[in-house]
Amino acid sequence: MRIGIVGCGRIGARHLDAYQKIGEVEIMVADENEVAAKALADSPGVTAAALDDLLDLGLDALDVCVPSHVHHRWIVAGFERGLHVFCEK
């Protein structure tokens, strides 16, 4: 399964930790702060992606971990791509 995490702050890091415990999950992370994305991608099975490219990487699901005021944009974009979308709000 390929999961994209958009937002690499505290919540994105928590979700990444949970996905890694599942095993056999390939994870792509992206953030407008590329340094944060690269830092989060510093573990096996995790790849940093450019924010604009995340939805073009053959994902099965999108985990939205950005600030609340940006949720709608990412949720709609994920649904338009036919992805399963996870958002806690």
Protein backbone atom coordinates (compact mmCIF):
# COMPACT_ATOMS: atom_id res chain seq x y z
CA MET A 1 0.00 0.00 0.00
CA ARG A 2 1.25 3.49 -0.86
CA ILE A 3 0.25 6.26 1.52
CA GLY A 4 0.92 9.95 1.06
CA ILE A 5 1.20 12.19 4.08
CA VAL A 6 0.78 15.88 3.39
CA GLY A 7 2.07 17.94 6.29
CA CYS A 8 5.29 16.97 8.06
CA GLY A 9 4.84 18.63 11.42
CA ARG A 10 4.03 16.99 14.74
CA ILE A 11 0.84 15.25 13.57
CA GLY A 12 2.42 14.03 10.32
CA ALA A 13 5.29 12.53 12.33
CA ARG A 14 2.86 10.75 14.67
CA HIS A 15 0.91 9.30 11.76
CA LEU A 16 4.13 8.20 10.06
CA ASP A 17 5.16 6.37 13.22
CA ALA A 18 1.82 4.53 13.27
CA TYR A 19 2.06 3.55 9.59
CA GLN A 20 5.57 2.22 10.08
CA LYS A 21 4.30 -0.09 12.83
CA ILE A 22 1.85 -1.63 10.35
CA GLY A 23 4.68 -2.71 8.08
CA GLU A 24 4.66 -3.30 4.32
CA VAL A 25 3.56 0.29 3.72
CA GLU A 26 5.37 2.61 1.34
CA ILE A 27 5.05 6.22 2.49
CA MET A 28 5.54 9.46 0.61
CA VAL A 29 5.70 12.67 2.63
CA ALA A 30 5.36 16.23 1.42
CA ASP A 31 5.24 19.65 2.99
CA GLU A 32 5.62 23.23 1.81
CA ASN A 33 8.67 23.19 4.08
CA GLU A 34 10.92 20.84 2.10
CA VAL A 35 13.40 20.61 4.97
CA ALA A 36 10.65 19.20 7.22
CA ALA A 37 9.66 16.67 4.54
CA LYS A 38 13.26 15.53 4.06
CA ALA A 39 13.75 15.20 7.82
CA LEU A 40 10.63 13.05 8.14
CA ALA A 41 11.74 10.94 5.18
CA ASP A 42 14.96 10.01 6.95
CA SER A 43 13.81 6.47 7.69
CA PRO A 44 13.37 3.24 5.70
CA GLY A 45 10.35 3.04 3.41
CA VAL A 46 9.73 6.78 3.47
CA THR A 47 10.35 9.11 0.54
CA ALA A 48 10.11 12.90 0.46
CA ALA A 49 8.14 14.25 -2.47
CA ALA A 50 7.57 17.71 -3.84
CA LEU A 51 4.25 19.08 -2.62
CA ASP A 52 2.99 19.56 -6.18
CA ASP A 53 3.91 15.99 -7.15
CA LEU A 54 2.49 14.06 -4.20
CA LEU A 55 -0.85 13.18 -5.78
CA ASP A 56 0.85 11.95 -8.96
CA LEU A 57 2.81 9.16 -7.24
CA GLY A 58 0.31 6.30 -7.55
CA LEU A 59 -0.97 6.58 -3.99
CA ASP A 60 -3.70 4.41 -2.52
CA ALA A 61 -4.49 6.81 0.30
CA LEU A 62 -3.80 10.37 1.42
CA ASP A 63 -3.37 11.38 5.05
CA VAL A 64 -4.05 15.09 5.49
CA CYS A 65 -1.93 16.52 8.33
CA VAL A 66 -1.82 20.17 7.35
CA PRO A 67 -3.37 23.08 9.30
CA SER A 68 -7.17 23.04 9.39
CA HIS A 69 -7.65 25.98 7.01
CA VAL A 70 -5.96 23.95 4.22
CA HIS A 71 -7.78 20.64 4.83
CA HIS A 72 -10.53 21.24 2.28
CA ARG A 73 -8.15 21.75 -0.62
CA TRP A 74 -6.28 18.50 0.05
CA ILE A 75 -9.36 16.44 0.86
CA VAL A 76 -11.09 17.44 -2.36
CA ALA A 77 -7.93 16.88 -4.40
CA GLY A 78 -7.53 13.40 -2.89
CA PHE A 79 -11.15 12.47 -3.63
CA GLU A 80 -10.85 13.78 -7.17
CA ARG A 81 -7.95 11.35 -7.66
CA GLY A 82 -10.01 8.46 -6.30
CA LEU A 83 -7.91 8.13 -3.14
CA HIS A 84 -8.95 7.04 0.31
CA VAL A 85 -8.55 10.19 2.42
CA PHE A 86 -7.86 10.34 6.14
CA CYS A 87 -8.34 13.61 8.00
CA GLU A 88 -8.90 13.95 11.74
CA LYS A 89 -11.03 17.08 11.65
